[in-house]
Amino acid sequence: MTLPINCEPLKTLIRTVPDFPKPGILFYDITTVLKDKAGFATLIDAFAQYYIGKEIDLVLGIEARGFIFGPALAYRLNAGFVPVRKPKKLPAPTARVTYDLEYGTDALEIHLDAIQPGERVVIVDDLLATGGTMQATVELVRQLGGEIAGLGFAIELDFLKGREKFQQYDVLSLLHYDE
């Protein structure tokens, strides 16, 4: 798939932080892209150009960095925005999915009335690594009867093969890292 906008130059704006959040991990910090007005615009424009014309009803953003891309993309697509949050952060009744982490479990929640059956949604997040967080969010959308029109990521760590969990979906990653 060829993007209408070349995002590769954004790699020069991404700060890498070794040994964060634990030894042996190389963290790809997108905050340095976000503070660059041209870089942030390029990121949102690339997402928007990919999804324009695909009849998107809602953009879901996963806590926390999906909250950064999601509203801007929803605005560009003339769609609504829905936050997917960590437990006990949403005030009304929620659906919850628990998922496994390397050491333990975590959970995500969404308001029960956030998605109506048949609504077409795009889910966005900053990073596709192993895919656990996105898998949990996909399950939340399924529980509420939404139709997944796409999964969008700013960065994909190809070597972790998270994309393999989503072969039935349209997966967009703007930047790829092989190691």
C-alpha atoms as a PDB file:
ATOM      1  CA  MET A   1       0.000   0.000   0.000  1.00  0.00           C
ATOM      2  CA  THR A   2       1.343   3.409  -0.942  1.00  0.00           C
ATOM      3  CA  LEU A   3       0.368   6.380   1.170  1.00  0.00           C
ATOM      4  CA  PRO A   4      -0.600   9.592  -0.581  1.00  0.00           C
ATOM      5  CA  ILE A   5       1.796  11.402   1.764  1.00  0.00           C
ATOM      6  CA  ASN A   6       5.398  10.318   2.334  1.00  0.00           C
ATOM      7  CA  CYS A   7       5.752   9.980   6.121  1.00  0.00           C
ATOM      8  CA  GLU A   8       9.341   8.707   6.157  1.00  0.00           C
ATOM      9  CA  PRO A   9      10.787  12.183   6.893  1.00  0.00           C
ATOM     10  CA  LEU A  10       8.859  12.094  10.194  1.00  0.00           C
ATOM     11  CA  LYS A  11      11.378   9.520  11.442  1.00  0.00           C
ATOM     12  CA  THR A  12      13.886  12.352  11.850  1.00  0.00           C
ATOM     13  CA  LEU A  13      11.489  13.934  14.354  1.00  0.00           C
ATOM     14  CA  ILE A  14      10.988  10.815  16.488  1.00  0.00           C
ATOM     15  CA  ARG A  15      13.119  10.658  19.611  1.00  0.00           C
ATOM     16  CA  THR A  16      14.353   7.221  20.629  1.00  0.00           C
ATOM     17  CA  VAL A  17      14.831   6.596  24.332  1.00  0.00           C
ATOM     18  CA  PRO A  18      16.876   3.520  25.268  1.00  0.00           C
ATOM     19  CA  ASP A  19      15.902   1.397  28.275  1.00  0.00           C
ATOM     20  CA  PHE A  20      12.442   2.948  28.708  1.00  0.00           C
ATOM     21  CA  PRO A  21      10.194   1.874  30.353  1.00  0.00           C
ATOM     22  CA  LYS A  22      12.573  -0.954  31.282  1.00  0.00           C
ATOM     23  CA  PRO A  23      16.063  -2.160  30.338  1.00  0.00           C
ATOM     24  CA  GLY A  24      16.350  -3.523  26.821  1.00  0.00           C
ATOM     25  CA  ILE A  25      13.409  -1.558  25.386  1.00  0.00           C
ATOM     26  CA  LEU A  26      13.972   1.162  22.786  1.00  0.00           C
ATOM     27  CA  PHE A  27      11.064   3.598  23.167  1.00  0.00           C
ATOM     28  CA  TYR A  28       9.880   5.543  20.114  1.00  0.00           C
ATOM     29  CA  ASP A  29       8.734   8.907  21.493  1.00  0.00           C
ATOM     30  CA  ILE A  30       6.249  10.678  19.230  1.00  0.00           C
ATOM     31  CA  THR A  31       5.956  13.782  21.412  1.00  0.00           C
ATOM     32  CA  THR A  32       8.758  15.283  19.365  1.00  0.00           C
ATOM     33  CA  VAL A  33       6.632  14.883  16.209  1.00  0.00           C
ATOM     34  CA  LEU A  34       3.606  16.373  17.941  1.00  0.00           C
ATOM     35  CA  LYS A  35       5.406  19.564  18.947  1.00  0.00           C
ATOM     36  CA  ASP A  36       6.552  20.127  15.363  1.00  0.00           C
ATOM     37  CA  LYS A  37       3.643  21.852  13.601  1.00  0.00           C
ATOM     38  CA  ALA A  38       4.577  20.539  10.154  1.00  0.00           C
ATOM     39  CA  GLY A  39       5.236  17.062  11.496  1.00  0.00           C
ATOM     40  CA  PHE A  40       1.936  16.878  13.356  1.00  0.00           C
ATOM     41  CA  ALA A  41       0.062  18.185  10.315  1.00  0.00           C
ATOM     42  CA  THR A  42       1.732  15.602   8.078  1.00  0.00           C
ATOM     43  CA  LEU A  43       0.749  12.821  10.480  1.00  0.00           C
ATOM     44  CA  ILE A  44      -2.915  13.851  10.653  1.00  0.00           C
ATOM     45  CA  ASP A  45      -3.085  14.588   6.912  1.00  0.00           C
ATOM     46  CA  ALA A  46      -1.719  11.126   6.094  1.00  0.00           C
ATOM     47  CA  PHE A  47      -4.291   9.425   8.325  1.00  0.00           C
ATOM     48  CA  ALA A  48      -7.097  11.592   6.928  1.00  0.00           C
ATOM     49  CA  GLN A  49      -6.210  11.101   3.271  1.00  0.00           C
ATOM     50  CA  TYR A  50      -6.201   7.349   3.775  1.00  0.00           C
ATOM     51  CA  TYR A  51      -9.644   7.231   5.414  1.00  0.00           C
ATOM     52  CA  ILE A  52     -11.488  10.003   3.524  1.00  0.00           C
ATOM     53  CA  GLY A  53     -14.275   8.475   1.453  1.00  0.00           C
ATOM     54  CA  LYS A  54     -14.526   5.300   3.546  1.00  0.00           C
ATOM     55  CA  GLU A  55     -17.749   6.383   5.286  1.00  0.00           C
ATOM     56  CA  ILE A  56     -16.379   6.490   8.838  1.00  0.00           C
ATOM     57  CA  ASP A  57     -18.921   7.199  11.588  1.00  0.00           C
ATOM     58  CA  LEU A  58     -16.565   7.189  14.584  1.00  0.00           C
ATOM     59  CA  VAL A  59     -12.880   7.385  15.364  1.00  0.00           C
ATOM     60  CA  LEU A  60     -11.866   5.558  18.536  1.00  0.00           C
ATOM     61  CA  GLY A  61      -8.691   6.667  20.309  1.00  0.00           C
ATOM     62  CA  ILE A  62      -6.967   4.372  22.771  1.00  0.00           C
ATOM     63  CA  GLU A  63      -5.675   5.942  25.997  1.00  0.00           C
ATOM     64  CA  ALA A  64      -3.482   7.868  25.992  1.00  0.00           C
ATOM     65  CA  ARG A  65      -1.784   8.708  22.697  1.00  0.00           C
ATOM     66  CA  GLY A  66      -4.779   7.691  20.617  1.00  0.00           C
ATOM     67  CA  PHE A  67      -6.470  10.662  22.278  1.00  0.00           C
ATOM     68  CA  ILE A  68      -4.024  12.907  20.441  1.00  0.00           C
ATOM     69  CA  PHE A  69      -4.652  11.609  16.911  1.00  0.00           C
ATOM     70  CA  GLY A  70      -8.264  10.571  17.291  1.00  0.00           C
ATOM     71  CA  PRO A  71     -10.047  13.922  17.711  1.00  0.00           C
ATOM     72  CA  ALA A  72      -8.025  15.603  14.963  1.00  0.00           C
ATOM     73  CA  LEU A  73      -8.726  12.716  12.591  1.00  0.00           C
ATOM     74  CA  ALA A  74     -12.422  12.610  13.550  1.00  0.00           C
ATOM     75  CA  TYR A  75     -12.681  16.321  12.752  1.00  0.00           C
ATOM     76  CA  ARG A  76     -11.071  15.802   9.337  1.00  0.00           C
ATOM     77  CA  LEU A  77     -13.408  12.870   8.575  1.00  0.00           C
ATOM     78  CA  ASN A  78     -16.545  14.617   9.836  1.00  0.00           C
ATOM     79  CA  ALA A  79     -16.932  11.758  12.312  1.00  0.00           C
ATOM     80  CA  GLY A  80     -17.453  11.493  16.049  1.00  0.00           C
ATOM     81  CA  PHE A  81     -14.694  10.684  18.524  1.00  0.00           C
ATOM     82  CA  VAL A  82     -14.885   7.998  21.231  1.00  0.00           C
ATOM     83  CA  PRO A  83     -12.241   7.512  23.938  1.00  0.00           C
ATOM     84  CA  VAL A  84     -11.237   3.998  24.990  1.00  0.00           C
ATOM     85  CA  ARG A  85      -9.987   4.277  28.563  1.00  0.00           C
ATOM     86  CA  LYS A  86      -8.278   2.464  31.372  1.00  0.00           C
ATOM     87  CA  PRO A  87     -10.705   1.173  34.027  1.00  0.00           C
ATOM     88  CA  LYS A  88     -12.794   3.495  36.189  1.00  0.00           C
ATOM     89  CA  LYS A  89     -12.152   6.633  34.112  1.00  0.00           C
ATOM     90  CA  LEU A  90     -15.514   6.812  32.321  1.00  0.00           C
ATOM     91  CA  PRO A  91     -18.565   8.074  34.244  1.00  0.00           C
ATOM     92  CA  ALA A  92     -21.438   6.121  32.627  1.00  0.00           C
ATOM     93  CA  PRO A  93     -21.953   2.326  32.334  1.00  0.00           C
ATOM     94  CA  THR A  94     -19.158   0.635  30.379  1.00  0.00           C
ATOM     95  CA  ALA A  95     -18.135  -2.517  28.557  1.00  0.00           C
ATOM     96  CA  ARG A  96     -14.769  -3.880  29.684  1.00  0.00           C
ATOM     97  CA  VAL A  97     -12.185  -6.219  28.176  1.00  0.00           C
ATOM     98  CA  THR A  98      -9.270  -7.599  30.173  1.00  0.00           C
ATOM     99  CA  TYR A  99      -6.107  -8.563  28.312  1.00  0.00           C
ATOM    100  CA  ASP A 100      -2.715 -10.069  29.103  1.00  0.00           C
ATOM    101  CA  LEU A 101       0.492  -8.119  29.502  1.00  0.00           C
ATOM    102  CA  GLU A 102       4.000  -9.507  29.683  1.00  0.00           C
ATOM    103  CA  TYR A 103       3.659  -9.595  33.474  1.00  0.00           C
ATOM    104  CA  GLY A 104       0.002  -9.523  34.534  1.00  0.00           C
ATOM    105  CA  THR A 105      -3.175  -8.120  33.013  1.00  0.00           C
ATOM    106  CA  ASP A 106      -4.763  -4.805  32.155  1.00  0.00           C
ATOM    107  CA  ALA A 107      -8.201  -3.705  30.985  1.00  0.00           C
ATOM    108  CA  LEU A 108      -9.879  -1.182  28.713  1.00  0.00           C
ATOM    109  CA  GLU A 109     -13.375   0.264  28.854  1.00  0.00           C
ATOM    110  CA  ILE A 110     -15.790   2.081  26.582  1.00  0.00           C
ATOM    111  CA  HIS A 111     -19.201   3.588  27.321  1.00  0.00           C
ATOM    112  CA  LEU A 112     -21.993   1.122  26.514  1.00  0.00           C
ATOM    113  CA  ASP A 113     -23.709   3.736  24.336  1.00  0.00           C
ATOM    114  CA  ALA A 114     -20.543   4.850  22.515  1.00  0.00           C
ATOM    115  CA  ILE A 115     -21.141   2.755  19.385  1.00  0.00           C
ATOM    116  CA  GLN A 116     -24.450   1.869  17.788  1.00  0.00           C
ATOM    117  CA  PRO A 117     -24.743  -1.471  15.959  1.00  0.00           C
ATOM    118  CA  GLY A 118     -23.487  -1.142  12.394  1.00  0.00           C
ATOM    119  CA  GLU A 119     -21.550   2.087  12.888  1.00  0.00           C
ATOM    120  CA  ARG A 120     -18.257   2.090  10.999  1.00  0.00           C
ATOM    121  CA  VAL A 121     -15.265   2.839  13.187  1.00  0.00           C
ATOM    122  CA  VAL A 122     -11.558   3.442  12.775  1.00  0.00           C
ATOM    123  CA  ILE A 123      -9.407   2.739  15.824  1.00  0.00           C
ATOM    124  CA  VAL A 124      -6.193   4.761  16.162  1.00  0.00           C
ATOM    125  CA  ASP A 125      -3.182   4.498  18.427  1.00  0.00           C
ATOM    126  CA  ASP A 126       0.413   5.627  18.362  1.00  0.00           C
ATOM    127  CA  LEU A 127       2.122   2.243  18.175  1.00  0.00           C
ATOM    128  CA  LEU A 128       1.536  -1.316  17.001  1.00  0.00           C
ATOM    129  CA  ALA A 129       3.898  -3.613  18.871  1.00  0.00           C
ATOM    130  CA  THR A 130       2.469  -6.985  19.938  1.00  0.00           C
ATOM    131  CA  GLY A 131      -1.130  -5.912  19.327  1.00  0.00           C
ATOM    132  CA  GLY A 132      -2.606  -6.720  22.742  1.00  0.00           C
ATOM    133  CA  THR A 133      -4.106  -3.294  23.390  1.00  0.00           C
ATOM    134  CA  MET A 134      -5.611  -3.092  19.907  1.00  0.00           C
ATOM    135  CA  GLN A 135      -6.949  -6.633  20.202  1.00  0.00           C
ATOM    136  CA  ALA A 136      -8.797  -5.652  23.387  1.00  0.00           C
ATOM    137  CA  THR A 137     -10.218  -2.555  21.678  1.00  0.00           C
ATOM    138  CA  VAL A 138     -11.367  -4.600  18.686  1.00  0.00           C
ATOM    139  CA  GLU A 139     -13.214  -6.868  21.115  1.00  0.00           C
ATOM    140  CA  LEU A 140     -14.943  -3.850  22.693  1.00  0.00           C
ATOM    141  CA  VAL A 141     -16.133  -2.706  19.254  1.00  0.00           C
ATOM    142  CA  ARG A 142     -17.437  -6.211  18.510  1.00  0.00           C
ATOM    143  CA  GLN A 143     -19.297  -6.328  21.837  1.00  0.00           C
ATOM    144  CA  LEU A 144     -21.129  -3.116  20.936  1.00  0.00           C
ATOM    145  CA  GLY A 145     -21.918  -4.220  17.383  1.00  0.00           C
ATOM    146  CA  GLY A 146     -19.653  -1.786  15.542  1.00  0.00           C
ATOM    147  CA  GLU A 147     -18.070  -2.474  12.174  1.00  0.00           C
ATOM    148  CA  ILE A 148     -14.298  -2.012  12.073  1.00  0.00           C
ATOM    149  CA  ALA A 149     -13.391  -0.017   8.980  1.00  0.00           C
ATOM    150  CA  GLY A 150      -9.710   0.223   9.856  1.00  0.00           C
ATOM    151  CA  LEU A 151      -6.919   0.179  12.422  1.00  0.00           C
ATOM    152  CA  GLY A 152      -4.485   3.091  12.229  1.00  0.00           C
ATOM    153  CA  PHE A 153      -1.073   3.462  13.843  1.00  0.00           C
ATOM    154  CA  ALA A 154       1.548   6.172  13.647  1.00  0.00           C
ATOM    155  CA  ILE A 155       4.327   3.591  14.151  1.00  0.00           C
ATOM    156  CA  GLU A 156       4.559  -0.165  13.646  1.00  0.00           C
ATOM    157  CA  LEU A 157       7.371  -2.282  15.071  1.00  0.00           C
ATOM    158  CA  ASP A 158       7.384  -4.862  12.276  1.00  0.00           C
ATOM    159  CA  PHE A 159       9.731  -7.260  14.072  1.00  0.00           C
ATOM    160  CA  LEU A 160       7.138  -7.880  16.824  1.00  0.00           C
ATOM    161  CA  LYS A 161       4.614  -9.095  14.221  1.00  0.00           C
ATOM    162  CA  GLY A 162       1.565  -7.541  15.878  1.00  0.00           C
ATOM    163  CA  ARG A 163      -0.054  -7.048  12.462  1.00  0.00           C
ATOM    164  CA  GLU A 164      -0.495 -10.816  12.156  1.00  0.00           C
ATOM    165  CA  LYS A 165      -3.322 -10.632  14.723  1.00  0.00           C
ATOM    166  CA  PHE A 166      -5.328  -8.341  12.439  1.00  0.00           C
ATOM    167  CA  GLN A 167      -5.173  -9.962   9.016  1.00  0.00           C
ATOM    168  CA  GLN A 168      -8.931  -9.583   8.534  1.00  0.00           C
ATOM    169  CA  TYR A 169      -8.728  -5.791   8.966  1.00  0.00           C
ATOM    170  CA  ASP A 170      -7.444  -2.850   6.977  1.00  0.00           C
ATOM    171  CA  VAL A 171      -4.302  -1.929   8.950  1.00  0.00           C
ATOM    172  CA  LEU A 172      -2.562   1.375   8.262  1.00  0.00           C
ATOM    173  CA  SER A 173       0.825   2.152   9.772  1.00  0.00           C
ATOM    174  CA  LEU A 174       2.453   5.403   8.732  1.00  0.00           C
ATOM    175  CA  LEU A 175       5.988   4.516   9.830  1.00  0.00           C
ATOM    176  CA  HIS A 176       7.707   1.148  10.100  1.00  0.00           C
ATOM    177  CA  TYR A 177      10.687   0.036  12.145  1.00  0.00           C
ATOM    178  CA  ASP A 178      12.370  -3.328  11.509  1.00  0.00           C
ATOM    179  CA  GLU A 179      14.434  -3.550  14.679  1.00  0.00           C
END
